[in-house]
Protein backbone atom coordinates (compact mmCIF):
# COMPACT_ATOMS: atom_id res chain seq x y z
CA UNK A 1 -59.36 37.34 23.56
CA UNK A 2 -58.02 36.07 26.80
CA UNK A 3 -57.46 32.23 26.66
CA UNK A 4 -57.79 32.06 22.86
CA UNK A 5 -54.74 30.70 21.00
CA UNK A 6 -54.11 31.17 17.28
CA UNK A 7 -52.17 28.30 15.70
CA UNK A 8 -50.78 28.34 12.15
CA UNK A 9 -49.68 25.06 10.51
CA UNK A 10 -47.67 25.57 7.30
CA UNK A 11 -47.80 23.39 4.18
CA UNK A 12 -44.67 21.46 5.17
CA UNK A 13 -45.79 20.93 8.78
CA UNK A 14 -48.01 18.76 10.92
CA UNK A 15 -48.90 19.32 14.58
CA UNK A 16 -49.76 17.09 17.50
CA UNK A 17 -52.77 18.35 19.39
CA UNK A 18 -52.44 17.32 23.03
CA UNK A 19 -54.98 17.81 25.72
CA UNK A 20 -54.10 17.02 29.30
CA UNK A 21 -50.77 15.69 27.87
CA UNK A 22 -52.52 13.08 25.73
CA UNK A 23 -52.48 13.03 21.91
CA UNK A 24 -55.95 13.78 20.66
CA UNK A 25 -55.43 14.47 16.97
CA UNK A 26 -52.94 15.59 14.32
CA UNK A 27 -53.45 19.02 12.78
CA UNK A 28 -52.93 19.47 9.03
CA UNK A 29 -51.90 22.77 7.34
CA UNK A 30 -54.23 25.65 8.21
CA UNK A 31 -55.07 28.27 10.84
CA UNK A 32 -56.61 27.11 14.09
CA UNK A 33 -58.03 28.95 17.06
CA UNK A 34 -58.07 27.06 20.33
CA UNK A 35 -59.68 28.30 23.49
CA UNK A 36 -57.57 27.20 26.44
CA UNK A 37 -58.28 29.18 29.54
CA UNK A 38 -56.79 26.67 31.96
CA UNK A 39 -53.70 25.75 29.92
CA UNK A 40 -54.79 22.18 29.27
CA UNK A 41 -53.97 22.26 25.53
CA UNK A 42 -50.54 21.98 23.89
CA UNK A 43 -49.64 21.95 20.20
CA UNK A 44 -46.34 20.49 18.96
CA UNK A 45 -45.40 21.48 15.40
CA UNK A 46 -43.23 19.08 13.33
CA UNK A 47 -41.33 19.83 10.09
CA UNK A 48 -42.11 17.19 7.43
CA UNK A 49 -38.78 17.73 5.66
CA UNK A 50 -37.39 15.73 8.57
CA UNK A 51 -39.50 12.59 8.08
CA UNK A 52 -38.38 10.76 11.24
CA UNK A 53 -40.94 11.08 14.01
CA UNK A 54 -39.02 10.63 17.26
CA UNK A 55 -41.27 11.24 20.24
CA UNK A 56 -41.61 9.85 23.77
CA UNK A 57 -45.24 8.94 22.97
CA UNK A 58 -44.46 6.79 19.90
CA UNK A 59 -45.35 3.50 21.60
CA UNK A 60 -48.55 4.97 23.04
CA UNK A 61 -49.51 6.45 19.70
CA UNK A 62 -48.99 3.12 17.93
CA UNK A 63 -51.03 1.22 20.49
CA UNK A 64 -53.79 3.67 21.34
CA UNK A 65 -54.19 5.76 18.18
CA UNK A 66 -53.57 3.31 15.37
CA UNK A 67 -55.94 5.16 13.06
CA UNK A 68 -53.80 8.30 13.29
CA UNK A 69 -50.67 6.25 12.68
CA UNK A 70 -52.08 4.61 9.56
CA UNK A 71 -53.24 7.98 8.19
CA UNK A 72 -50.19 10.16 8.82
CA UNK A 73 -47.23 7.82 9.23
CA UNK A 74 -45.32 4.92 7.78
CA UNK A 75 -44.63 2.42 10.55
CA UNK A 76 -41.49 0.22 10.45
CA UNK A 77 -41.05 -2.53 13.02
CA UNK A 78 -37.98 -4.79 12.83
CA UNK A 79 -37.36 -8.17 14.44
CA UNK A 80 -34.24 -9.15 16.37
CA UNK A 81 -32.52 -10.41 13.18
CA UNK A 82 -33.77 -7.78 10.75
CA UNK A 83 -32.04 -4.67 9.45
CA UNK A 84 -33.75 -1.80 7.63
CA UNK A 85 -32.10 0.09 4.77
CA UNK A 86 -33.70 3.55 4.66
CA UNK A 87 -34.06 5.21 1.26
CA UNK A 88 -35.11 8.84 0.99
CA UNK A 89 -36.20 9.98 -2.43
CA UNK A 90 -34.60 6.87 -3.91
CA UNK A 91 -31.19 7.27 -2.23
CA UNK A 92 -29.78 5.14 0.58
CA UNK A 93 -29.75 7.42 3.58
CA UNK A 94 -29.51 5.31 6.73
CA UNK A 95 -29.83 1.99 8.51
CA UNK A 96 -32.25 0.83 11.18
CA UNK A 97 -30.90 -1.60 13.76
CA UNK A 98 -32.68 -4.84 14.69
CA UNK A 99 -35.61 -4.43 17.13
CA UNK A 100 -36.26 -0.85 16.00
CA UNK A 101 -39.71 0.74 15.88
CA UNK A 102 -39.70 3.88 13.72
CA UNK A 103 -42.42 6.22 12.45
CA UNK A 104 -41.93 8.32 9.31
CA UNK A 105 -44.23 11.20 8.37
CA UNK A 106 -46.14 10.84 5.11
CA UNK A 107 -45.02 13.99 3.39
CA UNK A 108 -42.73 15.58 0.81
CA UNK A 109 -39.86 13.15 1.49
CA UNK A 110 -40.49 9.75 -0.08
CA UNK A 111 -39.28 7.19 2.46
CA UNK A 112 -38.92 3.49 1.74
CA UNK A 113 -37.40 0.90 4.04
CA UNK A 114 -35.89 -2.32 2.68
CA UNK A 115 -36.01 -4.99 5.39
CA UNK A 116 -33.22 -7.59 5.39
CA UNK A 117 -33.10 -10.79 7.40
CA UNK A 118 -29.52 -11.18 8.65
CA UNK A 119 -29.91 -14.28 10.79
CA UNK A 120 -28.11 -16.45 8.23
CA UNK A 121 -26.85 -14.06 5.56
CA UNK A 122 -25.14 -11.22 7.40
CA UNK A 123 -23.03 -9.94 4.49
CA UNK A 124 -23.84 -6.50 3.12
CA UNK A 125 -24.82 -6.74 -0.54
CA UNK A 126 -22.00 -5.89 -2.95
CA UNK A 127 -23.86 -2.92 -4.43
CA UNK A 128 -24.33 -1.45 -0.93
CA UNK A 129 -20.81 -1.97 0.44
CA UNK A 130 -19.27 1.03 -1.26
CA UNK A 131 -22.22 3.28 -0.40
CA UNK A 132 -21.83 2.50 3.31
CA UNK A 133 -18.03 2.27 3.48
CA UNK A 134 -17.49 5.55 1.62
CA UNK A 135 -20.60 7.40 2.77
CA UNK A 136 -20.42 11.19 2.80
CA UNK A 137 -21.36 13.10 5.91
CA UNK A 138 -24.27 14.72 4.09
CA UNK A 139 -25.48 11.46 2.58
CA UNK A 140 -25.67 9.12 5.55
CA UNK A 141 -25.28 9.36 9.33
CA UNK A 142 -21.74 8.39 10.31
CA UNK A 143 -23.01 6.10 13.05
CA UNK A 144 -24.02 3.71 10.28
CA UNK A 145 -20.32 2.79 10.05
CA UNK A 146 -20.60 1.42 13.60
CA UNK A 147 -23.23 -1.06 12.42
CA UNK A 148 -20.88 -2.90 10.06
CA UNK A 149 -17.43 -4.46 9.96
CA UNK A 150 -15.68 -3.18 6.83
CA UNK A 151 -12.59 -4.93 5.50
CA UNK A 152 -10.63 -4.49 2.30
CA UNK A 153 -8.68 -7.63 1.36
CA UNK A 154 -5.58 -6.46 -0.48
CA UNK A 155 -4.23 -7.92 -3.70
CA UNK A 156 -2.04 -11.04 -3.20
CA UNK A 157 -3.77 -11.66 0.13
CA UNK A 158 -6.58 -13.93 1.26
CA UNK A 159 -9.14 -12.93 3.88
CA UNK A 160 -10.31 -15.27 6.64
CA UNK A 161 -13.84 -14.46 7.83
CA UNK A 162 -14.15 -15.16 11.57
CA UNK A 163 -17.60 -15.00 13.20
CA UNK A 164 -17.91 -15.38 16.97
CA UNK A 165 -14.44 -16.93 17.03
CA UNK A 166 -15.19 -19.53 14.34
CA UNK A 167 -13.73 -19.62 10.83
CA UNK A 168 -16.50 -19.32 8.21
CA UNK A 169 -14.92 -18.84 4.79
CA UNK A 170 -12.02 -17.44 2.77
CA UNK A 171 -12.33 -14.13 0.92
CA UNK A 172 -10.72 -13.08 -2.35
CA UNK A 173 -9.22 -9.59 -2.73
CA UNK A 174 -11.92 -6.92 -2.60
CA UNK A 175 -14.06 -4.75 -0.31
CA UNK A 176 -16.40 -6.50 2.14
CA UNK A 177 -18.86 -5.43 4.83
CA UNK A 178 -20.74 -7.51 7.40
CA UNK A 179 -23.50 -6.58 9.82
CA UNK A 180 -22.27 -6.53 13.42
CA UNK A 181 -25.66 -6.96 15.04
CA UNK A 182 -25.92 -9.97 17.38
CA UNK A 183 -22.48 -11.30 16.40
CA UNK A 184 -18.77 -10.53 16.53
CA UNK A 185 -17.28 -10.35 13.03
CA UNK A 186 -13.67 -9.84 11.99
CA UNK A 187 -11.58 -10.47 8.88
CA UNK A 188 -7.96 -11.60 9.15
CA UNK A 189 -5.67 -11.11 6.17
CA UNK A 190 -2.89 -13.52 5.21
CA UNK A 191 -0.06 -12.58 2.81
CA UNK A 192 0.27 -15.08 -0.08
CA UNK A 193 3.39 -13.62 -1.69
CA UNK A 194 6.93 -14.78 -0.96
CA UNK A 195 8.16 -13.41 2.35
CA UNK A 196 11.67 -12.93 3.67
CA UNK A 197 12.82 -13.58 7.21
CA UNK A 198 16.11 -12.82 8.93
CA UNK A 199 17.51 -14.63 11.97
CA UNK A 200 20.15 -12.21 13.19
CA UNK A 201 23.02 -12.40 15.68
CA UNK A 202 22.73 -16.01 16.89
CA UNK A 203 25.53 -16.80 19.38
CA UNK A 204 26.29 -20.53 18.92
CA UNK A 205 29.08 -22.88 20.11
CA UNK A 206 30.51 -25.25 17.49
CA UNK A 207 31.34 -28.87 18.20
CA UNK A 208 34.95 -27.84 19.03
CA UNK A 209 33.73 -25.14 21.46
CA UNK A 210 34.31 -22.09 19.25
CA UNK A 211 31.77 -19.30 19.77
CA UNK A 212 30.31 -17.99 16.51
CA UNK A 213 27.79 -15.31 15.61
CA UNK A 214 25.67 -16.50 12.68
CA UNK A 215 23.08 -14.67 10.55
CA UNK A 216 20.51 -16.68 8.59
CA UNK A 217 18.05 -15.62 5.88
CA UNK A 218 15.11 -17.48 4.36
CA UNK A 219 12.32 -17.14 1.80
CA UNK A 220 8.97 -18.76 2.60
CA UNK A 221 5.36 -18.71 1.41
CA UNK A 222 2.03 -19.55 3.04
CA UNK A 223 0.31 -22.13 0.81
CA UNK A 224 -2.64 -23.09 3.04
CA UNK A 225 -3.74 -20.07 5.12
CA UNK A 226 -6.70 -21.91 6.65
CA UNK A 227 -4.52 -24.70 8.04
CA UNK A 228 -1.82 -22.26 9.17
CA UNK A 229 -4.37 -20.09 10.98
CA UNK A 230 -6.14 -23.03 12.63
CA UNK A 231 -2.93 -24.62 13.97
CA UNK A 232 -0.66 -21.66 14.67
CA UNK A 233 -1.14 -18.63 16.89
CA UNK A 234 1.48 -16.60 15.02
CA UNK A 235 2.79 -17.90 11.70
CA UNK A 236 5.85 -15.67 11.46
CA UNK A 237 6.95 -16.42 15.02
CA UNK A 238 6.68 -20.15 14.39
CA UNK A 239 8.81 -19.98 11.22
CA UNK A 240 11.40 -17.86 13.05
CA UNK A 241 11.69 -20.32 15.95
CA UNK A 242 12.04 -23.35 13.67
CA UNK A 243 14.78 -21.61 11.68
CA UNK A 244 16.54 -20.69 14.91
CA UNK A 245 16.38 -24.25 16.29
CA UNK A 246 17.59 -25.79 13.01
CA UNK A 247 20.50 -23.35 12.80
CA UNK A 248 21.64 -24.08 16.36
CA UNK A 249 21.40 -27.83 15.81
CA UNK A 250 23.36 -27.72 12.55
CA UNK A 251 26.16 -25.47 13.87
CA UNK A 252 26.42 -27.16 17.26
CA UNK A 253 27.14 -30.58 15.72
CA UNK A 254 29.95 -29.41 13.40
CA UNK A 255 33.50 -28.20 13.91
CA UNK A 256 34.69 -24.77 12.85
CA UNK A 257 36.78 -26.14 9.97
CA UNK A 258 33.80 -28.08 8.62
CA UNK A 259 31.58 -25.00 8.76
CA UNK A 260 34.09 -22.76 7.01
CA UNK A 261 35.02 -25.28 4.32
CA UNK A 262 31.52 -26.51 3.43
CA UNK A 263 28.99 -23.75 3.98
CA UNK A 264 26.63 -25.06 1.26
CA UNK A 265 26.17 -28.29 3.17
CA UNK A 266 25.07 -26.29 6.21
CA UNK A 267 22.43 -24.48 4.13
CA UNK A 268 21.04 -27.80 2.88
CA UNK A 269 20.86 -29.36 6.34
CA UNK A 270 18.96 -26.36 7.75
CA UNK A 271 16.61 -26.27 4.73
CA UNK A 272 15.61 -29.93 5.15
CA UNK A 273 15.05 -29.56 8.90
CA UNK A 274 12.89 -26.44 8.57
CA UNK A 275 10.92 -27.73 5.58
CA UNK A 276 9.91 -30.91 7.40
CA UNK A 277 8.67 -28.94 10.40
CA UNK A 278 6.64 -26.17 8.77
CA UNK A 279 5.19 -27.92 5.71
CA UNK A 280 2.61 -29.72 7.85
CA UNK A 281 1.18 -26.31 8.81
CA UNK A 282 0.59 -25.09 5.26
CA UNK A 283 3.86 -23.13 4.98
CA UNK A 284 6.46 -23.81 2.30
CA UNK A 285 10.08 -22.71 2.71
CA UNK A 286 11.67 -21.92 -0.65
CA UNK A 287 15.27 -21.17 0.27
CA UNK A 288 17.55 -20.85 3.29
CA UNK A 289 21.09 -19.53 3.42
CA UNK A 290 23.69 -18.61 6.02
CA UNK A 291 24.59 -14.99 5.31
CA UNK A 292 27.43 -14.39 7.77
CA UNK A 293 29.64 -16.45 10.05
CA UNK A 294 31.32 -13.97 12.40
CA UNK A 295 34.32 -15.13 14.47
CA UNK A 296 35.42 -13.60 17.79
CA UNK A 297 38.41 -11.22 17.64
CA UNK A 298 41.06 -13.60 19.07
CA UNK A 299 39.97 -16.39 16.73
CA UNK A 300 40.29 -14.02 13.77
CA UNK A 301 43.90 -13.25 14.74
CA UNK A 302 44.73 -16.95 15.01
CA UNK A 303 43.19 -17.75 11.64
CA UNK A 304 44.96 -14.79 10.05
CA UNK A 305 48.28 -16.08 11.37
CA UNK A 306 47.55 -19.56 10.03
CA UNK A 307 46.65 -18.18 6.62
CA UNK A 308 49.72 -15.94 6.59
CA UNK A 309 52.00 -18.89 7.47
CA UNK A 310 50.43 -21.00 4.74
CA UNK A 311 50.96 -18.25 2.16
CA UNK A 312 54.59 -17.73 3.21
CA UNK A 313 55.25 -21.47 2.94
CA UNK A 314 53.65 -21.55 -0.50
CA UNK A 315 55.76 -18.57 -1.60
CA UNK A 316 58.96 -20.28 -0.39
CA UNK A 317 58.09 -23.45 -2.27
CA UNK A 318 57.52 -21.48 -5.46
CA UNK A 319 60.76 -19.53 -4.97
CA UNK A 320 62.82 -22.72 -4.48
CA UNK A 321 61.17 -24.31 -7.47
CA UNK A 322 62.06 -21.31 -9.67
CA UNK A 323 65.66 -21.24 -8.39
CA UNK A 324 66.07 -24.95 -9.12
CA UNK A 325 64.70 -24.49 -12.61
CA UNK A 326 67.06 -21.55 -13.26
CA UNK A 327 70.10 -23.50 -12.02
CA UNK A 328 69.16 -26.48 -14.16
CA UNK A 329 68.85 -24.18 -17.20
CA UNK A 330 72.31 -22.68 -16.57
CA UNK A 331 73.83 -26.13 -16.23
CA UNK A 332 72.32 -27.22 -19.53
CA UNK A 333 73.64 -24.08 -21.24
CA UNK A 334 77.14 -24.69 -19.91
CA UNK A 335 77.17 -28.24 -21.20
CA UNK A 336 76.12 -27.09 -24.66
CA UNK A 337 78.83 -24.43 -24.81
CA UNK A 338 81.49 -26.92 -23.69
CA UNK A 339 80.62 -29.26 -26.54
CA UNK A 340 80.18 -26.52 -29.17
CA UNK A 341 82.94 -23.84 -29.60
CA UNK A 342 80.83 -21.82 -32.03
CA UNK A 343 78.04 -21.53 -29.47
CA UNK A 344 80.67 -20.52 -26.95
CA UNK A 345 81.92 -17.79 -29.25
CA UNK A 346 78.37 -16.50 -29.84
CA UNK A 347 77.85 -16.26 -26.10
CA UNK A 348 81.10 -14.26 -25.78
CA UNK A 349 79.92 -11.85 -28.47
CA UNK A 350 76.55 -11.47 -26.72
CA UNK A 351 78.31 -10.56 -23.50
CA UNK A 352 80.60 -8.18 -25.43
CA UNK A 353 77.54 -6.42 -26.83
CA UNK A 354 76.08 -5.92 -23.37
CA UNK A 355 79.41 -4.65 -22.02
CA UNK A 356 79.89 -2.11 -24.79
CA UNK A 357 76.42 -0.68 -24.14
CA UNK A 358 77.52 0.38 -20.68
CA UNK A 359 81.06 1.65 -21.60
CA UNK A 360 81.51 5.32 -22.48
CA UNK A 361 85.05 5.02 -23.93
CA UNK A 362 87.03 1.91 -24.86
CA UNK A 363 90.81 1.86 -25.68
CA UNK A 364 91.75 -1.04 -27.93
CA UNK A 365 95.22 -2.61 -28.29
CA UNK A 366 95.92 -5.27 -30.84
CA UNK A 367 93.39 -4.19 -33.43
CA UNK A 368 90.03 -5.72 -34.13
CA UNK A 369 91.32 -9.15 -33.34
CA UNK A 370 92.20 -7.99 -29.81
CA UNK A 371 88.71 -6.62 -29.35
CA UNK A 372 87.11 -9.84 -30.43
CA UNK A 373 89.42 -12.24 -28.66
CA UNK A 374 90.67 -10.47 -25.54
CA UNK A 375 87.97 -8.07 -24.37
CA UNK A 376 85.55 -10.79 -23.29
CA UNK A 377 86.62 -14.35 -22.74
CA UNK A 378 84.57 -17.03 -21.04
CA UNK A 379 86.80 -19.72 -19.63
CA UNK A 380 84.79 -22.76 -18.69
CA UNK A 381 87.81 -24.46 -17.03
CA UNK A 382 88.39 -21.88 -14.34
């Protein structure tokens, strides 16, 4: 029939019946016939498997048709410091922001909303942190991540919780989440393990105007991260600058010879200077050492010449000492042979033995006695 509409509402559906663009009633499952000759009636069908009721007329429906709301919907209204955790069929599925008004259809999906007051306690409960931080796409809308600040404090670190620019508390290693609503939340991490720092390529003039390039290394540890954070903009930069200043002061007040001869003293002086400066900021320096002292090319040549001259002089002294000792030994031997003919004769025979080792053929005149007496003769009076 002309002007007669047939409307079918399935078991998992509900429908808004609007007349002259105003909500009149909600249609439950069934078959309806509506006579609408002038086109004044509209029917909007909603699937109950999607429990959220998002409609431009929500506020009007809540205010003007409260009976329909109480019968067919669950109404959630949050204050400015309240957050709603939405559970569907017992599983955390979403988050409602503060100030939200949301209608959920009463239907096959069991919806419960846990309301949290975050005015004072804005930390996400431990048992919820992992569910939100590691939520699957099919388990929770990804925009939920935008509602929280998630931070994982690593092992051997400490976390500093900063809210609206103000330090609140320290955090042990672990996973944390905080609601962002109505506040700015961030977590800064501070390394508690020993850290190394290098001060490389420092061009410094010694007291006697020699230009050196010095490399310094240090080991330090942050012992009071709260104090260090409250007093220093950048902890590492501050330690670097203090090491640099101490190195320049120590080298600039000493001569080149002093630096090269007593390097350990230089390390100690720098250590004391740096330790006094940084300890008041909750930082403890454990060790400092000068790694390299690099001389300019011309100074290297001069020092090499000095070292070479010193070694040559030492070698000459040793050589003269050995020659003197050898001469003294020969003189003592000669005196003994002069006073002892038998010793003299033994020396002649020793020389004879060495001579015969080098002679291929020897012609002897005068028999054995000639060999013994005339072949080798040491005359001490010549």
